[in-house]
Amino acid sequence: MGMKIGEKQFKERVGDGLQDDFMRSAVSSAQERLRARRLHAAQELGHWEKWRSLGEEIRKHTLDHLDYYLEMLSNNVAKRGGNVFFAKTSEEANKYIQNIAKRKEAKKIVKSKSMVTEEISMNEGLESIGCEVIETDLGEYILQLDEHDPPSHIVAPALHKNKEQIREVFKEKLSYLKSEKPEELALHAREMLRKEFLKADIGITGCNFAIAESGSIGLVTNEGNARLVSSIPKTQITVMGMERIVPTFEEFEVLVSLLTRSAVGQRLTSYVTALTGARGEEDVDGPEEFHLVIVDNGRSNILGTEFQSVLQCIRCAACINVCPVYRHVGGHSYGSIYPGPIGAVLSPLLGGYDDYKELPYASTLCAACTEACPVKIPLHELLHKHREVIVEREGRAPISEKMAMKVFGLGASIPKLYNLGGKVAKSALSPFATDDKISKGPGPLKAWTNVREFPAPNKERFRDWFQERKGENK
C-alpha cells in the first residue's frame, strides 16, 4: 500500500470526506467515546501530568542516544540467536524480507497489525513474489477483504465502516450468511483466521517498543492474534521503525501504561507480550528462526532537526481522537496511512512536501492534540513550523497567497492606505454578511468560509472609538 493512499488531490479528498455523513457520524461518536475513556483512565492513574513528563523524558533521552540503544538492541538480539537487519530505505527492507520468504519457499504469511509494514508496502512486495499475506488484526482483515481499502485511523483502521457494510464484505468474500451482530461477525473471522495461522510458513509482526537491555520485542494487543503470529510459524520476522525502542523494561512499563490509557482508555490491553529471540531448547512454542528488520526510511533525516520530537510518538492516536479537523473530514482525507495531527506532521517529513504540503494547513492550531499527547509532542507548534518551512524555505505558498500578502504588506506599511482600508472594509464586505457573520466570503475568504463563518467587521473601527474616548477624557 505504501504511505500514500489514493491519487486524488487534497481538496477532492476533503470534499469526499465532508459529503460522507456516515463516516463523520462514526468518527464523532468514536472521538467522544475514546476521549471520555482516556480522561477517565488518566484520572484513575493519578498524577497524569507527571506521567506525561516522564514519558516525554524517556522518549527524548532515547532519541538523543538512539545509536547507542540500537547497537545494544542489535547485540542482544544476536546473542539470543536472532538476525538483525538495518534497512535504510523501504526497498532495502522489502528486499531482505522477500529473500527470507524465497529461501523458506514460503507460500502463506500471516501478520499482525503494523503501521511500518504499511508504510513500506511490504504486503505488495511479498505478493509480487507469489506469497499470500493474511492480515490477522480484525480491522485490517476487514479492509484487506474489501479490495485493500486503506486504513482511516491508526488504532481503529476500519473506523469508517459500519457493521452492515462489514457484513456485506464477509458475505461476498467469505460466504457469510449470519447477521450483522458484531459477536457473530468476529466469531466468523476468528474461525476463518484460525486455519490460516496453522498453515502459515512465516509470521510477521510490528513492534510497539523494542527493549534494548534484553533484545526483546514488546507487543501491545487486544485480540491475541500477534501472539499466534509469533508462536505458530517456524519463522518470525519483526519490522520496527528505528525510533520504537526503550532502554529497559522499566521504561517499557511506563510507556505501555501511557499507551493503553491514551489509545483506548484501558489500564492495560488484553495482551502485553515480550518476545526474546527464537525458541530455546526448553520452550514449548515459538519460532525456530527470528529476524528483526529495523527501518529508517527517512527517520534519520528528522533526528537533530526542529522536528525531532515527532519521533517521540508512541502511535496511540490520542491526538486524532481530539482533532476537530479529523472529526469533519475523516482519515482518508489526509491521503496518508498516518492521518490526523500526527500524520499532518509526520507525512510531509517521510513523504515530502510534494504530496503532503496541504496537511500542515489542515489544522486549527487549537493545540488540543498537544494537550492530549501522552509524551508531550508539541504538535501544533510543529504544524506551525511546517507552514514556516513551506512558505519561507520551500517557497511553496500559492501565488494568490503571495500576492495577497504583498498587497496587505503594502497597505499595512502606508498609514493612509491602512486607514482607508479600515474605513471601507465594513461597506465592502456588507453584501456578504448576515447577522454580523460572513458565510460566503469573496476571494481569499472563500476557502475559510466554505467550512466556517467569518466575523464581519464592526460598524465602528477601534481607532475611531479610541480617538473618541481619548477626546472625551481631555
Protein backbone atom coordinates (compact mmCIF):
# COMPACT_ATOMS: atom_id res chain seq x y z
CA MET A 1 0.00 0.00 0.00
CA GLY A 2 2.73 2.47 0.96
CA MET A 3 2.29 5.64 2.96
CA LYS A 4 0.38 7.45 0.22
CA ILE A 5 -3.21 6.31 -0.28
CA GLY A 6 -5.05 7.22 -3.47
CA GLU A 7 -4.29 9.69 -6.23
CA LYS A 8 -6.97 12.29 -5.56
CA GLN A 9 -5.95 15.85 -4.79
CA PHE A 10 -6.31 17.17 -1.25
CA LYS A 11 -9.38 19.32 -1.93
CA GLU A 12 -11.14 16.42 -3.63
CA ARG A 13 -10.36 14.10 -0.72
CA VAL A 14 -11.66 16.65 1.77
CA GLY A 15 -14.78 17.14 -0.33
CA ASP A 16 -15.43 13.40 -0.26
CA GLY A 17 -15.00 13.36 3.50
CA LEU A 18 -17.36 16.25 4.08
CA GLN A 19 -20.03 14.50 1.99
CA ASP A 20 -19.72 11.20 3.87
CA ASP A 21 -22.35 11.65 6.58
CA PHE A 22 -21.94 8.14 8.00
CA MET A 23 -18.19 8.47 8.36
CA ARG A 24 -18.50 11.85 10.08
CA SER A 25 -21.09 10.48 12.48
CA ALA A 26 -18.97 7.40 13.24
CA VAL A 27 -15.84 9.47 13.80
CA SER A 28 -17.64 11.97 16.01
CA SER A 29 -19.12 9.21 18.14
CA ALA A 30 -15.80 7.37 18.41
CA GLN A 31 -13.93 10.54 19.33
CA GLU A 32 -16.33 11.34 22.15
CA ARG A 33 -16.21 7.78 23.46
CA LEU A 34 -12.43 7.37 23.26
CA ARG A 35 -11.75 10.82 24.68
CA ALA A 36 -14.02 10.19 27.67
CA ARG A 37 -12.40 6.82 28.34
CA ARG A 38 -8.92 8.31 28.06
CA LEU A 39 -9.70 11.07 30.54
CA HIS A 40 -11.22 8.57 32.98
CA ALA A 41 -8.24 6.22 32.69
CA ALA A 42 -5.81 9.11 33.19
CA GLN A 43 -7.68 10.34 36.25
CA GLU A 44 -7.75 6.83 37.67
CA LEU A 45 -3.98 6.53 37.30
CA GLY A 46 -3.42 9.82 39.10
CA HIS A 47 -0.67 12.42 38.63
CA TRP A 48 -1.24 12.22 34.88
CA GLU A 49 0.92 15.23 34.05
CA LYS A 50 3.83 13.70 35.94
CA TRP A 51 3.38 10.51 33.92
CA ARG A 52 3.35 12.55 30.70
CA SER A 53 6.53 14.34 31.72
CA LEU A 54 8.18 11.01 32.48
CA GLY A 55 7.08 9.62 29.12
CA GLU A 56 8.46 12.68 27.36
CA GLU A 57 11.74 12.36 29.25
CA ILE A 58 12.10 8.69 28.30
CA ARG A 59 11.42 9.33 24.62
CA LYS A 60 13.71 12.36 24.44
CA HIS A 61 16.54 10.51 26.16
CA THR A 62 16.20 7.52 23.85
CA LEU A 63 16.20 9.66 20.70
CA ASP A 64 19.21 11.64 21.90
CA HIS A 65 21.13 8.36 22.35
CA LEU A 66 19.45 6.35 19.63
CA ASP A 67 22.64 4.99 18.10
CA TYR A 68 23.74 3.63 21.48
CA TYR A 69 20.48 1.85 22.20
CA LEU A 70 20.10 0.47 18.68
CA GLU A 71 23.55 -1.08 18.94
CA MET A 72 22.66 -2.54 22.34
CA LEU A 73 19.43 -3.95 20.94
CA SER A 74 21.17 -5.44 17.92
CA ASN A 75 23.86 -7.10 20.04
CA ASN A 76 21.36 -8.60 22.46
CA VAL A 77 19.12 -9.94 19.68
CA ALA A 78 22.18 -11.58 18.10
CA LYS A 79 23.23 -13.12 21.44
CA ARG A 80 19.89 -14.90 21.54
CA GLY A 81 20.22 -16.34 18.07
CA GLY A 82 18.30 -13.67 16.21
CA ASN A 83 19.20 -11.90 12.98
CA VAL A 84 19.19 -8.10 12.72
CA PHE A 85 18.99 -6.09 9.52
CA PHE A 86 19.17 -2.29 9.37
CA ALA A 87 17.20 -1.05 6.35
CA LYS A 88 18.00 2.46 5.18
CA THR A 89 15.07 2.51 2.76
CA SER A 90 11.78 0.71 2.25
CA GLU A 91 13.31 -1.02 -0.78
CA GLU A 92 16.11 -2.48 1.34
CA ALA A 93 13.63 -3.65 3.98
CA ASN A 94 11.39 -5.32 1.40
CA LYS A 95 14.28 -6.99 -0.40
CA TYR A 96 15.52 -8.53 2.85
CA ILE A 97 12.06 -9.80 3.81
CA GLN A 98 11.44 -11.16 0.30
CA ASN A 99 14.77 -13.01 0.36
CA ILE A 100 13.72 -14.75 3.58
CA ALA A 101 10.42 -15.76 2.00
CA LYS A 102 12.19 -17.08 -1.08
CA ARG A 103 14.71 -19.04 0.98
CA LYS A 104 11.92 -20.59 3.04
CA GLU A 105 9.83 -21.20 -0.08
CA ALA A 106 7.00 -19.52 1.80
CA LYS A 107 3.54 -19.51 0.26
CA LYS A 108 1.39 -18.22 3.12
CA ILE A 109 2.34 -15.45 5.54
CA VAL A 110 0.29 -14.25 8.50
CA LYS A 111 0.90 -10.84 10.03
CA SER A 112 -0.37 -8.72 12.87
CA LYS A 113 -1.17 -5.03 12.67
CA SER A 114 1.84 -2.87 11.83
CA MET A 115 1.94 0.70 10.56
CA VAL A 116 5.55 0.49 9.42
CA THR A 117 4.82 -2.50 7.17
CA GLU A 118 2.02 -0.44 5.60
CA GLU A 119 4.45 2.44 5.19
CA ILE A 120 6.99 0.36 3.25
CA SER A 121 4.39 -1.53 1.12
CA MET A 122 5.57 -4.84 2.49
CA ASN A 123 2.43 -6.79 1.58
CA GLU A 124 2.61 -5.75 -2.04
CA GLY A 125 6.28 -6.68 -2.17
CA LEU A 126 5.62 -10.18 -0.87
CA GLU A 127 2.62 -10.66 -3.13
CA SER A 128 4.79 -9.75 -6.11
CA ILE A 129 6.92 -12.87 -5.49
CA GLY A 130 3.90 -15.16 -5.14
CA CYS A 131 3.25 -15.07 -1.38
CA GLU A 132 -0.20 -14.79 0.11
CA VAL A 133 -0.21 -12.32 3.01
CA ILE A 134 -3.06 -12.56 5.52
CA GLU A 135 -3.84 -9.67 7.87
CA THR A 136 -4.95 -11.12 11.21
CA ASP A 137 -5.98 -7.97 13.09
CA LEU A 138 -9.77 -7.84 12.69
CA GLY A 139 -9.88 -4.27 11.40
CA GLU A 140 -7.04 -4.83 8.95
CA TYR A 141 -8.57 -8.17 7.89
CA ILE A 142 -11.83 -6.41 7.01
CA LEU A 143 -10.02 -3.79 4.95
CA GLN A 144 -7.92 -6.40 3.16
CA LEU A 145 -11.03 -8.36 2.20
CA ASP A 146 -12.68 -5.18 0.93
CA GLU A 147 -10.29 -4.74 -2.01
CA HIS A 148 -7.45 -3.46 0.18
CA ASP A 149 -9.40 -0.46 1.46
CA PRO A 150 -6.85 1.81 3.21
CA PRO A 151 -6.98 2.41 6.98
CA SER A 152 -8.54 5.63 8.25
CA HIS A 153 -7.28 5.54 11.84
CA ILE A 154 -4.05 4.38 13.46
CA VAL A 155 -5.66 2.28 16.20
CA ALA A 156 -9.08 1.54 14.65
CA PRO A 157 -8.28 1.15 10.94
CA ALA A 158 -11.86 0.24 9.89
CA LEU A 159 -13.49 3.08 11.82
CA HIS A 160 -15.14 4.37 8.62
CA LYS A 161 -17.20 1.16 8.16
CA ASN A 162 -20.37 0.11 9.94
CA LYS A 163 -21.44 -3.43 10.83
CA GLU A 164 -23.84 -3.66 7.88
CA GLN A 165 -21.04 -2.80 5.45
CA ILE A 166 -18.76 -5.34 7.12
CA ARG A 167 -21.45 -8.00 6.83
CA GLU A 168 -21.69 -7.35 3.07
CA VAL A 169 -17.91 -7.71 2.74
CA PHE A 170 -17.98 -11.01 4.64
CA LYS A 171 -20.94 -12.22 2.60
CA GLU A 172 -19.17 -11.51 -0.68
CA LYS A 173 -15.68 -12.67 0.27
CA LEU A 174 -16.27 -15.34 2.94
CA SER A 175 -19.74 -16.70 2.05
CA TYR A 176 -21.01 -15.38 5.37
CA LEU A 177 -24.74 -15.96 5.94
CA LYS A 178 -25.38 -14.79 9.50
CA SER A 179 -26.41 -11.39 10.89
CA GLU A 180 -24.52 -8.13 11.30
CA LYS A 181 -24.15 -8.67 15.06
CA PRO A 182 -20.54 -7.86 15.99
CA GLU A 183 -20.22 -11.07 18.00
CA GLU A 184 -21.22 -13.23 15.04
CA LEU A 185 -19.00 -11.31 12.62
CA ALA A 186 -16.00 -11.59 14.94
CA LEU A 187 -16.59 -15.30 15.53
CA HIS A 188 -16.71 -15.98 11.78
CA ALA A 189 -13.47 -14.06 11.23
CA ARG A 190 -11.89 -15.98 14.09
CA GLU A 191 -12.89 -19.32 12.59
CA MET A 192 -11.51 -18.34 9.19
CA LEU A 193 -8.23 -16.97 10.54
CA ARG A 194 -7.54 -19.95 12.80
CA LYS A 195 -6.98 -22.08 9.70
CA GLU A 196 -4.56 -19.52 8.29
CA PHE A 197 -2.41 -19.50 11.45
CA LEU A 198 -1.97 -23.26 11.27
CA LYS A 199 -0.94 -23.25 7.61
CA ALA A 200 1.40 -20.22 7.65
CA ASP A 201 5.07 -20.54 6.75
CA ILE A 202 6.13 -17.16 8.17
CA GLY A 203 4.70 -14.82 10.82
CA ILE A 204 5.34 -11.08 10.68
CA THR A 205 4.68 -8.60 13.46
CA GLY A 206 5.27 -4.94 14.06
CA CYS A 207 6.81 -3.63 17.26
CA ASN A 208 5.32 -1.30 19.84
CA PHE A 209 8.63 -1.00 21.69
CA ALA A 210 11.88 -2.94 21.48
CA ILE A 211 13.71 -3.32 24.82
CA ALA A 212 17.41 -2.67 24.29
CA GLU A 213 18.71 -4.28 27.51
CA SER A 214 17.33 -7.73 26.65
CA GLY A 215 16.85 -7.71 22.89
CA SER A 216 13.11 -8.25 23.40
CA ILE A 217 10.22 -7.15 21.20
CA GLY A 218 7.21 -5.69 23.02
CA LEU A 219 3.73 -6.11 21.54
CA VAL A 220 0.57 -4.49 22.95
CA THR A 221 -2.65 -6.01 21.58
CA ASN A 222 -6.27 -6.78 22.42
CA GLU A 223 -7.05 -9.67 20.09
CA GLY A 224 -4.29 -12.20 20.73
CA ASN A 225 -3.53 -12.57 17.04
CA ALA A 226 0.00 -11.23 17.39
CA ARG A 227 0.80 -13.99 19.86
CA LEU A 228 -0.39 -16.62 17.37
CA VAL A 229 1.53 -14.94 14.54
CA SER A 230 4.73 -15.01 16.60
CA SER A 231 4.42 -18.51 18.08
CA ILE A 232 2.98 -20.88 15.45
CA PRO A 233 5.01 -20.28 12.23
CA LYS A 234 8.56 -21.60 12.31
CA THR A 235 9.97 -18.30 11.04
CA GLN A 236 9.18 -14.95 12.61
CA ILE A 237 10.01 -11.50 11.25
CA THR A 238 9.54 -8.32 13.29
CA VAL A 239 9.58 -5.00 11.46
CA MET A 240 10.12 -1.86 13.56
CA GLY A 241 10.69 1.81 12.96
CA MET A 242 14.14 2.67 14.25
CA GLU A 243 12.76 5.05 16.90
CA ARG A 244 10.46 2.46 18.56
CA ILE A 245 12.90 1.48 21.29
CA VAL A 246 13.29 1.87 25.06
CA PRO A 247 16.39 1.27 27.20
CA THR A 248 14.97 -1.17 29.79
CA PHE A 249 11.79 -2.94 30.91
CA GLU A 250 11.25 -0.17 33.45
CA GLU A 251 10.73 2.40 30.69
CA PHE A 252 8.70 -0.13 28.73
CA GLU A 253 6.24 -0.38 31.64
CA VAL A 254 5.84 3.40 31.81
CA LEU A 255 5.19 3.80 28.09
CA VAL A 256 2.78 0.85 27.95
CA SER A 257 0.78 2.43 30.77
CA LEU A 258 0.62 5.68 28.81
CA LEU A 259 -0.13 3.93 25.51
CA THR A 260 -3.03 1.78 26.64
CA ARG A 261 -4.75 4.59 28.53
CA SER A 262 -4.27 7.11 25.73
CA ALA A 263 -5.27 4.79 22.89
CA VAL A 264 -8.37 3.01 24.17
CA GLY A 265 -8.84 4.14 27.77
CA GLN A 266 -7.75 0.82 29.29
CA ARG A 267 -5.48 0.18 32.26
CA LEU A 268 -3.85 -2.49 30.14
CA THR A 269 -4.75 -4.16 26.89
CA SER A 270 -5.62 -7.85 26.91
CA TYR A 271 -2.12 -8.90 25.87
CA VAL A 272 1.24 -7.34 26.65
CA THR A 273 3.88 -9.64 25.20
CA ALA A 274 7.67 -9.54 25.26
CA LEU A 275 9.34 -11.87 22.74
CA THR A 276 13.05 -12.58 23.03
CA GLY A 277 14.67 -14.36 20.11
CA ALA A 278 13.98 -17.78 18.66
CA ARG A 279 12.62 -20.77 20.58
CA GLY A 280 15.02 -22.22 23.13
CA GLU A 281 15.52 -25.86 23.97
CA GLU A 282 13.19 -25.64 26.97
CA ASP A 283 10.48 -23.59 25.22
CA VAL A 284 7.27 -25.32 24.16
CA ASP A 285 6.44 -22.91 21.35
CA GLY A 286 7.90 -20.05 19.37
CA PRO A 287 9.76 -19.70 16.06
CA GLU A 288 12.86 -21.63 15.11
CA GLU A 289 14.23 -18.58 13.30
CA PHE A 290 13.85 -14.90 14.22
CA HIS A 291 14.62 -11.78 12.17
CA LEU A 292 14.42 -8.15 13.29
CA VAL A 293 14.22 -5.58 10.49
CA ILE A 294 14.93 -2.05 11.76
CA VAL A 295 13.60 0.52 9.30
CA ASP A 296 14.96 4.03 8.80
CA ASN A 297 13.03 5.19 5.70
CA GLY A 298 13.65 8.89 6.37
CA ARG A 299 13.65 8.88 10.16
CA SER A 300 17.36 9.62 10.50
CA ASN A 301 16.80 12.78 8.45
CA ILE A 302 14.46 14.02 11.19
CA LEU A 303 16.93 13.44 14.01
CA GLY A 304 18.69 16.62 15.12
CA THR A 305 16.18 18.90 13.40
CA GLU A 306 13.43 21.11 14.80
CA PHE A 307 11.04 18.22 14.05
CA GLN A 308 12.85 15.55 16.09
CA SER A 309 10.18 15.49 18.79
CA VAL A 310 7.68 13.93 16.35
CA LEU A 311 9.72 10.71 16.67
CA GLN A 312 8.63 10.54 20.31
CA CYS A 313 5.25 9.32 19.02
CA ILE A 314 4.02 6.02 20.50
CA ARG A 315 1.15 5.65 17.96
CA CYS A 316 -1.68 5.92 20.47
CA ALA A 317 -3.86 8.18 18.25
CA ALA A 318 -4.91 10.33 21.22
CA CYS A 319 -4.24 13.41 19.07
CA ILE A 320 -6.53 12.05 16.34
CA ASN A 321 -9.28 11.41 18.85
CA VAL A 322 -9.49 15.09 19.85
CA CYS A 323 -8.83 16.76 16.50
CA PRO A 324 -11.76 18.90 15.23
CA VAL A 325 -10.49 18.73 11.65
CA TYR A 326 -10.28 14.93 11.63
CA ARG A 327 -13.79 14.84 13.06
CA HIS A 328 -15.16 16.55 9.94
CA VAL A 329 -13.03 15.13 7.12
CA GLY A 330 -12.03 11.64 8.33
CA GLY A 331 -8.78 9.75 7.91
CA HIS A 332 -8.76 9.20 4.15
CA SER A 333 -8.73 12.97 3.53
CA TYR A 334 -5.11 13.08 4.66
CA GLY A 335 -4.01 10.84 1.79
CA SER A 336 -1.63 9.03 4.13
CA ILE A 337 -1.75 5.95 6.35
CA TYR A 338 -0.84 8.41 9.12
CA PRO A 339 -3.91 10.67 9.49
CA GLY A 340 -4.81 13.39 11.99
CA PRO A 341 -2.36 15.80 13.65
CA ILE A 342 0.44 13.25 13.89
CA GLY A 343 0.00 12.46 10.20
CA ALA A 344 -0.04 16.14 9.29
CA VAL A 345 3.38 16.49 10.94
CA LEU A 346 4.96 13.14 10.06
CA SER A 347 3.74 12.58 6.48
CA PRO A 348 5.50 15.64 4.97
CA LEU A 349 8.72 14.59 6.71
CA LEU A 350 8.66 10.99 5.46
CA GLY A 351 6.81 11.51 2.18
CA GLY A 352 7.86 15.03 1.19
CA TYR A 353 6.01 18.28 0.61
CA ASP A 354 5.14 17.43 -2.99
CA ASP A 355 2.45 15.03 -1.78
CA TYR A 356 1.68 16.44 1.64
CA LYS A 357 2.21 20.21 1.66
CA GLU A 358 -1.50 20.82 2.39
CA LEU A 359 -1.59 18.75 5.57
CA PRO A 360 0.05 21.29 7.92
CA TYR A 361 -2.77 23.66 6.96
CA ALA A 362 -5.44 21.06 7.81
CA SER A 363 -5.40 22.22 11.40
CA THR A 364 -6.95 24.91 13.56
CA LEU A 365 -3.76 25.12 15.67
CA CYS A 366 -6.06 24.81 18.70
CA ALA A 367 -3.42 22.68 20.50
CA ALA A 368 -5.93 20.02 21.59
CA CYS A 369 -3.58 17.44 20.05
CA THR A 370 -0.61 18.70 22.06
CA GLU A 371 -2.64 18.63 25.26
CA ALA A 372 -3.75 15.03 24.60
CA CYS A 373 -0.34 13.65 23.60
CA PRO A 374 0.92 11.34 26.38
CA VAL A 375 4.57 12.08 25.58
CA LYS A 376 4.10 15.84 25.13
CA ILE A 377 4.90 16.23 21.44
CA PRO A 378 4.22 19.92 20.65
CA LEU A 379 2.17 19.01 17.60
CA HIS A 380 0.55 22.39 17.00
CA GLU A 381 3.96 24.07 17.14
CA LEU A 382 5.37 21.56 14.65
CA LEU A 383 2.44 22.22 12.31
CA HIS A 384 3.21 25.93 12.51
CA LYS A 385 6.89 25.17 11.85
CA HIS A 386 5.90 23.20 8.73
CA ARG A 387 3.97 26.22 7.46
CA GLU A 388 7.02 28.38 8.04
CA VAL A 389 9.23 25.95 6.12
CA ILE A 390 6.73 25.65 3.26
CA VAL A 391 6.49 29.42 2.81
CA GLU A 392 9.92 30.75 3.75
CA ARG A 393 12.33 27.95 2.87
CA GLU A 394 10.49 25.99 0.20
CA GLY A 395 8.71 28.93 -1.43
CA ARG A 396 5.63 26.77 -1.95
CA ALA A 397 2.94 29.26 -0.96
CA PRO A 398 0.23 29.63 -3.64
CA ILE A 399 0.65 32.60 -5.99
CA SER A 400 -2.66 34.03 -4.76
CA GLU A 401 -1.42 33.92 -1.19
CA LYS A 402 1.89 35.55 -2.11
CA MET A 403 0.08 38.34 -3.93
CA ALA A 404 -2.39 38.81 -1.09
CA MET A 405 0.43 39.10 1.45
CA LYS A 406 2.29 41.59 -0.74
CA VAL A 407 -0.82 43.73 -1.10
CA PHE A 408 -1.51 43.54 2.63
CA GLY A 409 2.12 44.34 3.43
CA LEU A 410 1.99 47.37 1.15
CA GLY A 411 -1.28 48.60 2.64
CA ALA A 412 -0.19 47.98 6.22
CA SER A 413 3.09 49.85 5.73
CA ILE A 414 1.44 53.05 4.44
CA PRO A 415 -0.68 54.73 7.15
CA LYS A 416 -3.03 56.49 4.72
CA LEU A 417 -3.80 53.24 2.83
CA TYR A 418 -4.26 51.31 6.06
CA ASN A 419 -6.60 53.97 7.42
CA LEU A 420 -8.60 53.99 4.16
CA GLY A 421 -8.87 50.17 4.18
CA GLY A 422 -10.25 50.21 7.70
CA LYS A 423 -12.89 52.75 6.72
CA VAL A 424 -14.17 50.88 3.63
CA ALA A 425 -13.93 47.30 4.99
CA LYS A 426 -17.41 47.31 6.52
CA SER A 427 -19.08 48.63 3.38
CA ALA A 428 -17.09 46.38 1.03
CA LEU A 429 -17.98 43.20 2.91
CA SER A 430 -21.57 44.06 3.88
CA PRO A 431 -23.07 42.27 0.80
CA PHE A 432 -21.57 39.03 2.08
CA ALA A 433 -22.56 39.45 5.74
CA THR A 434 -25.63 38.13 7.55
CA ASP A 435 -26.15 38.76 11.27
CA ASP A 436 -22.57 40.05 11.56
CA LYS A 437 -21.19 36.81 10.06
CA ILE A 438 -19.72 36.19 6.61
CA SER A 439 -20.75 32.73 5.42
CA LYS A 440 -19.82 33.02 1.72
CA GLY A 441 -16.77 35.20 1.51
CA PRO A 442 -15.12 36.55 -1.63
CA GLY A 443 -11.59 35.91 -2.81
CA PRO A 444 -9.18 34.59 -0.15
CA LEU A 445 -12.05 34.36 2.35
CA LYS A 446 -13.81 31.76 0.21
CA ALA A 447 -11.71 28.79 1.37
CA TRP A 448 -12.23 29.75 5.01
CA THR A 449 -15.96 30.43 4.80
CA ASN A 450 -16.59 27.19 2.92
CA VAL A 451 -16.15 25.37 6.23
CA ARG A 452 -16.82 28.03 8.88
CA GLU A 453 -18.21 31.53 9.36
CA PHE A 454 -16.03 34.61 9.46
CA PRO A 455 -16.91 37.59 11.67
CA ALA A 456 -17.89 40.69 9.73
CA PRO A 457 -16.03 43.96 10.50
CA ASN A 458 -17.58 46.05 13.28
CA LYS A 459 -19.51 49.14 12.32
CA GLU A 460 -17.16 51.26 14.37
CA ARG A 461 -13.41 50.93 13.99
CA PHE A 462 -11.34 50.57 17.16
CA ARG A 463 -9.20 53.53 16.04
CA ASP A 464 -12.27 55.76 15.81
CA TRP A 465 -13.63 54.51 19.13
CA PHE A 466 -10.29 55.08 20.81
CA GLN A 467 -9.90 58.60 19.41
CA GLU A 468 -13.44 59.47 20.53
CA ARG A 469 -12.85 58.23 24.07
CA LYS A 470 -9.49 59.90 24.16
CA GLY A 471 -11.17 63.21 23.27
CA GLU A 472 -13.82 62.74 25.98
CA ASN A 473 -11.13 62.30 28.64
CA LYS A 474 -9.34 65.52 27.81
